[in-house]
Amino acid sequence: MGLGACLSALFTMKEAVSTSHCSQPNTIEYEMAMEWCLLQSRSDSWWKSLHKQQGQDLRKLMANLKSK
């Protein structure tokens, strides 16, 4: 690669526009991400509750089977 090509590449990199990696609060992407986080939190809570209930049901079933 020649000196001219290197300088050209350097100027191109300096002129590149920097963009944020994360979404900004004033975009639809941000709103959708916030909604997704809320729904994910609700889902996690629901699954945790379901697993707790199933564990209780299994313990009752096992105790019932052992007593027979």
PDB file of N, CA and C in Angstrom:
ATOM      1  N   MET A   1       0.861  -1.171   0.000  1.00  0.00           N
ATOM      2  CA  MET A   1       0.000   0.000   0.000  1.00  0.00           C
ATOM      3  C   MET A   1       0.902   1.226   0.000  1.00  0.00           C
ATOM      4  N   GLY A   2       0.637   2.138  -0.905  1.00  0.00           N
ATOM      5  CA  GLY A   2       1.468   3.317  -1.037  1.00  0.00           C
ATOM      6  C   GLY A   2       1.111   4.391  -0.024  1.00  0.00           C
ATOM      7  N   LEU A   3       1.943   5.409   0.050  1.00  0.00           N
ATOM      8  CA  LEU A   3       1.740   6.513   0.978  1.00  0.00           C
ATOM      9  C   LEU A   3       0.436   7.250   0.699  1.00  0.00           C
ATOM     10  N   GLY A   4       0.098   7.429  -0.552  1.00  0.00           N
ATOM     11  CA  GLY A   4      -1.142   8.116  -0.921  1.00  0.00           C
ATOM     12  C   GLY A   4      -2.368   7.348  -0.449  1.00  0.00           C
ATOM     13  N   ALA A   5      -2.316   6.038  -0.583  1.00  0.00           N
ATOM     14  CA  ALA A   5      -3.446   5.204  -0.154  1.00  0.00           C
ATOM     15  C   ALA A   5      -3.582   5.235   1.367  1.00  0.00           C
ATOM     16  N   CYS A   6      -2.447   5.238   2.065  1.00  0.00           N
ATOM     17  CA  CYS A   6      -2.482   5.296   3.537  1.00  0.00           C
ATOM     18  C   CYS A   6      -3.066   6.619   4.018  1.00  0.00           C
ATOM     19  N   LEU A   7      -2.638   7.719   3.410  1.00  0.00           N
ATOM     20  CA  LEU A   7      -3.163   9.029   3.792  1.00  0.00           C
ATOM     21  C   LEU A   7      -4.650   9.134   3.476  1.00  0.00           C
ATOM     22  N   SER A   8      -5.045   8.583   2.337  1.00  0.00           N
ATOM     23  CA  SER A   8      -6.456   8.604   1.955  1.00  0.00           C
ATOM     24  C   SER A   8      -7.301   7.836   2.976  1.00  0.00           C
ATOM     25  N   ALA A   9      -6.804   6.685   3.384  1.00  0.00           N
ATOM     26  CA  ALA A   9      -7.523   5.871   4.379  1.00  0.00           C
ATOM     27  C   ALA A   9      -7.595   6.612   5.713  1.00  0.00           C
ATOM     28  N   LEU A  10      -6.526   7.285   6.106  1.00  0.00           N
ATOM     29  CA  LEU A  10      -6.489   8.040   7.362  1.00  0.00           C
ATOM     30  C   LEU A  10      -7.513   9.171   7.345  1.00  0.00           C
ATOM     31  N   PHE A  11      -7.567   9.921   6.240  1.00  0.00           N
ATOM     32  CA  PHE A  11      -8.546  11.011   6.138  1.00  0.00           C
ATOM     33  C   PHE A  11      -9.977  10.476   6.149  1.00  0.00           C
ATOM     34  N   THR A  12     -10.201   9.347   5.505  1.00  0.00           N
ATOM     35  CA  THR A  12     -11.532   8.747   5.481  1.00  0.00           C
ATOM     36  C   THR A  12     -11.962   8.360   6.888  1.00  0.00           C
ATOM     37  N   MET A  13     -11.051   7.777   7.674  1.00  0.00           N
ATOM     38  CA  MET A  13     -11.384   7.379   9.039  1.00  0.00           C
ATOM     39  C   MET A  13     -11.679   8.601   9.903  1.00  0.00           C
ATOM     40  N   LYS A  14     -10.939   9.707   9.689  1.00  0.00           N
ATOM     41  CA  LYS A  14     -11.166  10.920  10.475  1.00  0.00           C
ATOM     42  C   LYS A  14     -12.501  11.571  10.132  1.00  0.00           C
ATOM     43  N   GLU A  15     -12.968  11.402   8.891  1.00  0.00           N
ATOM     44  CA  GLU A  15     -14.219  12.017   8.458  1.00  0.00           C
ATOM     45  C   GLU A  15     -15.438  11.156   8.779  1.00  0.00           C
ATOM     46  N   ALA A  16     -15.215   9.926   9.228  1.00  0.00           N
ATOM     47  CA  ALA A  16     -16.331   9.028   9.522  1.00  0.00           C
ATOM     48  C   ALA A  16     -17.171   9.597  10.661  1.00  0.00           C
ATOM     49  N   VAL A  17     -18.468   9.404  10.558  1.00  0.00           N
ATOM     50  CA  VAL A  17     -19.390   9.897  11.575  1.00  0.00           C
ATOM     51  C   VAL A  17     -19.479   8.877  12.693  1.00  0.00           C
ATOM     52  N   SER A  18     -19.335   9.335  13.903  1.00  0.00           N
ATOM     53  CA  SER A  18     -19.432   8.445  15.053  1.00  0.00           C
ATOM     54  C   SER A  18     -20.899   8.297  15.454  1.00  0.00           C
ATOM     55  N   THR A  19     -21.315   7.073  15.655  1.00  0.00           N
ATOM     56  CA  THR A  19     -22.688   6.826  16.108  1.00  0.00           C
ATOM     57  C   THR A  19     -22.649   6.087  17.428  1.00  0.00           C
ATOM     58  N   SER A  20     -23.694   6.260  18.192  1.00  0.00           N
ATOM     59  CA  SER A  20     -23.782   5.617  19.492  1.00  0.00           C
ATOM     60  C   SER A  20     -24.088   4.139  19.331  1.00  0.00           C
ATOM     61  N   HIS A  21     -23.493   3.315  20.162  1.00  0.00           N
ATOM     62  CA  HIS A  21     -23.748   1.878  20.133  1.00  0.00           C
ATOM     63  C   HIS A  21     -25.092   1.558  20.777  1.00  0.00           C
ATOM     64  N   CYS A  22     -25.480   2.314  21.775  1.00  0.00           N
ATOM     65  CA  CYS A  22     -26.735   2.080  22.489  1.00  0.00           C
ATOM     66  C   CYS A  22     -27.838   2.965  21.903  1.00  0.00           C
ATOM     67  N   SER A  23     -29.070   2.522  22.093  1.00  0.00           N
ATOM     68  CA  SER A  23     -30.182   3.318  21.576  1.00  0.00           C
ATOM     69  C   SER A  23     -30.360   4.581  22.416  1.00  0.00           C
ATOM     70  N   GLN A  24     -30.898   5.600  21.805  1.00  0.00           N
ATOM     71  CA  GLN A  24     -31.112   6.879  22.465  1.00  0.00           C
ATOM     72  C   GLN A  24     -32.554   6.985  22.940  1.00  0.00           C
ATOM     73  N   PRO A  25     -32.809   7.705  24.037  1.00  0.00           N
ATOM     74  CA  PRO A  25     -34.162   7.792  24.604  1.00  0.00           C
ATOM     75  C   PRO A  25     -35.227   8.370  23.668  1.00  0.00           C
ATOM     76  N   ASN A  26     -34.854   9.064  22.646  1.00  0.00           N
ATOM     77  CA  ASN A  26     -35.849   9.703  21.777  1.00  0.00           C
ATOM     78  C   ASN A  26     -36.124   8.881  20.512  1.00  0.00           C
ATOM     79  N   THR A  27     -35.890   7.569  20.543  1.00  0.00           N
ATOM     80  CA  THR A  27     -36.103   6.742  19.364  1.00  0.00           C
ATOM     81  C   THR A  27     -37.118   5.636  19.636  1.00  0.00           C
ATOM     82  N   ILE A  28     -37.715   5.124  18.578  1.00  0.00           N
ATOM     83  CA  ILE A  28     -38.664   4.019  18.703  1.00  0.00           C
ATOM     84  C   ILE A  28     -37.938   2.766  19.194  1.00  0.00           C
ATOM     85  N   GLU A  29     -36.668   2.629  18.821  1.00  0.00           N
ATOM     86  CA  GLU A  29     -35.875   1.484  19.274  1.00  0.00           C
ATOM     87  C   GLU A  29     -35.796   1.470  20.800  1.00  0.00           C
ATOM     88  N   TYR A  30     -35.596   2.634  21.386  1.00  0.00           N
ATOM     89  CA  TYR A  30     -35.496   2.735  22.841  1.00  0.00           C
ATOM     90  C   TYR A  30     -36.833   2.374  23.490  1.00  0.00           C
ATOM     91  N   GLU A  31     -37.921   2.904  22.947  1.00  0.00           N
ATOM     92  CA  GLU A  31     -39.251   2.602  23.490  1.00  0.00           C
ATOM     93  C   GLU A  31     -39.536   1.103  23.429  1.00  0.00           C
ATOM     94  N   MET A  32     -39.203   0.494  22.301  1.00  0.00           N
ATOM     95  CA  MET A  32     -39.433  -0.941  22.142  1.00  0.00           C
ATOM     96  C   MET A  32     -38.564  -1.751  23.103  1.00  0.00           C
ATOM     97  N   ALA A  33     -37.343  -1.313  23.312  1.00  0.00           N
ATOM     98  CA  ALA A  33     -36.447  -2.011  24.238  1.00  0.00           C
ATOM     99  C   ALA A  33     -36.963  -1.917  25.671  1.00  0.00           C
ATOM    100  N   MET A  34     -37.467  -0.749  26.041  1.00  0.00           N
ATOM    101  CA  MET A  34     -38.008  -0.585  27.387  1.00  0.00           C
ATOM    102  C   MET A  34     -39.243  -1.463  27.587  1.00  0.00           C
ATOM    103  N   GLU A  35     -40.096  -1.520  26.577  1.00  0.00           N
ATOM    104  CA  GLU A  35     -41.281  -2.368  26.651  1.00  0.00           C
ATOM    105  C   GLU A  35     -40.877  -3.839  26.738  1.00  0.00           C
ATOM    106  N   TRP A  36     -39.875  -4.228  25.963  1.00  0.00           N
ATOM    107  CA  TRP A  36     -39.409  -5.614  25.991  1.00  0.00           C
ATOM    108  C   TRP A  36     -38.871  -5.958  27.376  1.00  0.00           C
ATOM    109  N   CYS A  37     -38.114  -5.041  27.990  1.00  0.00           N
ATOM    110  CA  CYS A  37     -37.570  -5.287  29.334  1.00  0.00           C
ATOM    111  C   CYS A  37     -38.694  -5.487  30.350  1.00  0.00           C
ATOM    112  N   LEU A  38     -39.740  -4.681  30.260  1.00  0.00           N
ATOM    113  CA  LEU A  38     -40.878  -4.816  31.165  1.00  0.00           C
ATOM    114  C   LEU A  38     -41.565  -6.163  30.967  1.00  0.00           C
ATOM    115  N   LEU A  39     -41.806  -6.536  29.712  1.00  0.00           N
ATOM    116  CA  LEU A  39     -42.447  -7.817  29.427  1.00  0.00           C
ATOM    117  C   LEU A  39     -41.566  -8.986  29.862  1.00  0.00           C
ATOM    118  N   GLN A  40     -40.269  -8.868  29.676  1.00  0.00           N
ATOM    119  CA  GLN A  40     -39.349  -9.928  30.098  1.00  0.00           C
ATOM    120  C   GLN A  40     -39.379 -10.083  31.609  1.00  0.00           C
ATOM    121  N   SER A  41     -39.443  -8.985  32.327  1.00  0.00           N
ATOM    122  CA  SER A  41     -39.504  -9.025  33.786  1.00  0.00           C
ATOM    123  C   SER A  41     -40.793  -9.710  34.247  1.00  0.00           C
ATOM    124  N   ARG A  42     -41.911  -9.378  33.608  1.00  0.00           N
ATOM    125  CA  ARG A  42     -43.177 -10.020  33.946  1.00  0.00           C
ATOM    126  C   ARG A  42     -43.123 -11.521  33.654  1.00  0.00           C
ATOM    127  N   SER A  43     -42.538 -11.873  32.522  1.00  0.00           N
ATOM    128  CA  SER A  43     -42.420 -13.276  32.147  1.00  0.00           C
ATOM    129  C   SER A  43     -41.554 -14.042  33.159  1.00  0.00           C
ATOM    130  N   ASP A  44     -40.431 -13.457  33.543  1.00  0.00           N
ATOM    131  CA  ASP A  44     -39.555 -14.097  34.524  1.00  0.00           C
ATOM    132  C   ASP A  44     -40.293 -14.333  35.839  1.00  0.00           C
ATOM    133  N   SER A  45     -41.064 -13.348  36.260  1.00  0.00           N
ATOM    134  CA  SER A  45     -41.845 -13.471  37.496  1.00  0.00           C
ATOM    135  C   SER A  45     -42.890 -14.582  37.376  1.00  0.00           C
ATOM    136  N   TRP A  46     -43.546 -14.644  36.230  1.00  0.00           N
ATOM    137  CA  TRP A  46     -44.561 -15.666  36.005  1.00  0.00           C
ATOM    138  C   TRP A  46     -43.946 -17.056  36.037  1.00  0.00           C
ATOM    139  N   TRP A  47     -42.821 -17.249  35.355  1.00  0.00           N
ATOM    140  CA  TRP A  47     -42.160 -18.552  35.339  1.00  0.00           C
ATOM    141  C   TRP A  47     -41.676 -18.944  36.731  1.00  0.00           C
ATOM    142  N   LYS A  48     -41.152 -18.003  37.473  1.00  0.00           N
ATOM    143  CA  LYS A  48     -40.682 -18.285  38.834  1.00  0.00           C
ATOM    144  C   LYS A  48     -41.844 -18.753  39.699  1.00  0.00           C
ATOM    145  N   SER A  49     -42.968 -18.090  39.583  1.00  0.00           N
ATOM    146  CA  SER A  49     -44.157 -18.471  40.339  1.00  0.00           C
ATOM    147  C   SER A  49     -44.645 -19.865  39.932  1.00  0.00           C
ATOM    148  N   LEU A  50     -44.658 -20.142  38.640  1.00  0.00           N
ATOM    149  CA  LEU A  50     -45.086 -21.448  38.146  1.00  0.00           C
ATOM    150  C   LEU A  50     -44.179 -22.556  38.664  1.00  0.00           C
ATOM    151  N   HIS A  51     -42.865 -22.345  38.605  1.00  0.00           N
ATOM    152  CA  HIS A  51     -41.923 -23.357  39.084  1.00  0.00           C
ATOM    153  C   HIS A  51     -42.071 -23.589  40.581  1.00  0.00           C
ATOM    154  N   LYS A  52     -42.328 -22.538  41.327  1.00  0.00           N
ATOM    155  CA  LYS A  52     -42.533 -22.673  42.770  1.00  0.00           C
ATOM    156  C   LYS A  52     -43.777 -23.518  43.043  1.00  0.00           C
ATOM    157  N   GLN A  53     -44.856 -23.228  42.325  1.00  0.00           N
ATOM    158  CA  GLN A  53     -46.103 -23.970  42.502  1.00  0.00           C
ATOM    159  C   GLN A  53     -45.916 -25.439  42.111  1.00  0.00           C
ATOM    160  N   GLN A  54     -45.219 -25.700  41.023  1.00  0.00           N
ATOM    161  CA  GLN A  54     -44.979 -27.071  40.594  1.00  0.00           C
ATOM    162  C   GLN A  54     -44.129 -27.830  41.613  1.00  0.00           C
ATOM    163  N   GLY A  55     -43.161 -27.160  42.207  1.00  0.00           N
ATOM    164  CA  GLY A  55     -42.336 -27.784  43.250  1.00  0.00           C
ATOM    165  C   GLY A  55     -43.180 -28.182  44.449  1.00  0.00           C
ATOM    166  N   GLN A  56     -44.088 -27.294  44.844  1.00  0.00           N
ATOM    167  CA  GLN A  56     -44.976 -27.607  45.971  1.00  0.00           C
ATOM    168  C   GLN A  56     -45.882 -28.782  45.629  1.00  0.00           C
ATOM    169  N   ASP A  57     -46.416 -28.781  44.421  1.00  0.00           N
ATOM    170  CA  ASP A  57     -47.281 -29.884  43.989  1.00  0.00           C
ATOM    171  C   ASP A  57     -46.526 -31.210  43.972  1.00  0.00           C
ATOM    172  N   LEU A  58     -45.289 -31.197  43.493  1.00  0.00           N
ATOM    173  CA  LEU A  58     -44.491 -32.418  43.457  1.00  0.00           C
ATOM    174  C   LEU A  58     -44.176 -32.930  44.860  1.00  0.00           C
ATOM    175  N   ARG A  59     -43.864 -32.029  45.784  1.00  0.00           N
ATOM    176  CA  ARG A  59     -43.597 -32.443  47.164  1.00  0.00           C
ATOM    177  C   ARG A  59     -44.825 -33.085  47.788  1.00  0.00           C
ATOM    178  N   LYS A  60     -46.004 -32.504  47.538  1.00  0.00           N
ATOM    179  CA  LYS A  60     -47.249 -33.076  48.060  1.00  0.00           C
ATOM    180  C   LYS A  60     -47.498 -34.455  47.457  1.00  0.00           C
ATOM    181  N   LEU A  61     -47.282 -34.595  46.159  1.00  0.00           N
ATOM    182  CA  LEU A  61     -47.487 -35.862  45.473  1.00  0.00           C
ATOM    183  C   LEU A  61     -46.538 -36.933  46.005  1.00  0.00           C
ATOM    184  N   MET A  62     -45.263 -36.576  46.171  1.00  0.00           N
ATOM    185  CA  MET A  62     -44.282 -37.536  46.678  1.00  0.00           C
ATOM    186  C   MET A  62     -44.622 -37.958  48.103  1.00  0.00           C
ATOM    187  N   ALA A  63     -45.036 -37.025  48.934  1.00  0.00           N
ATOM    188  CA  ALA A  63     -45.421 -37.345  50.307  1.00  0.00           C
ATOM    189  C   ALA A  63     -46.648 -38.255  50.318  1.00  0.00           C
ATOM    190  N   ASN A  64     -47.581 -38.013  49.426  1.00  0.00           N
ATOM    191  CA  ASN A  64     -48.782 -38.809  49.324  1.00  0.00           C
ATOM    192  C   ASN A  64     -48.444 -40.237  48.860  1.00  0.00           C
ATOM    193  N   LEU A  65     -47.509 -40.373  47.921  1.00  0.00           N
ATOM    194  CA  LEU A  65     -47.120 -41.683  47.420  1.00  0.00           C
ATOM    195  C   LEU A  65     -46.353 -42.488  48.470  1.00  0.00           C
ATOM    196  N   LYS A  66     -45.517 -41.828  49.268  1.00  0.00           N
ATOM    197  CA  LYS A  66     -44.764 -42.514  50.304  1.00  0.00           C
ATOM    198  C   LYS A  66     -45.657 -43.018  51.427  1.00  0.00           C
ATOM    199  N   SER A  67     -46.754 -42.318  51.687  1.00  0.00           N
ATOM    200  CA  SER A  67     -47.635 -42.716  52.775  1.00  0.00           C
ATOM    201  C   SER A  67     -48.503 -43.908  52.398  1.00  0.00           C
ATOM    202  N   LYS A  68     -48.601 -44.264  51.135  1.00  0.00           N
ATOM    203  CA  LYS A  68     -49.437 -45.389  50.699  1.00  0.00           C
ATOM    204  C   LYS A  68     -48.707 -46.697  50.768  1.00  0.00           C
TER     205      LYS A  68
END
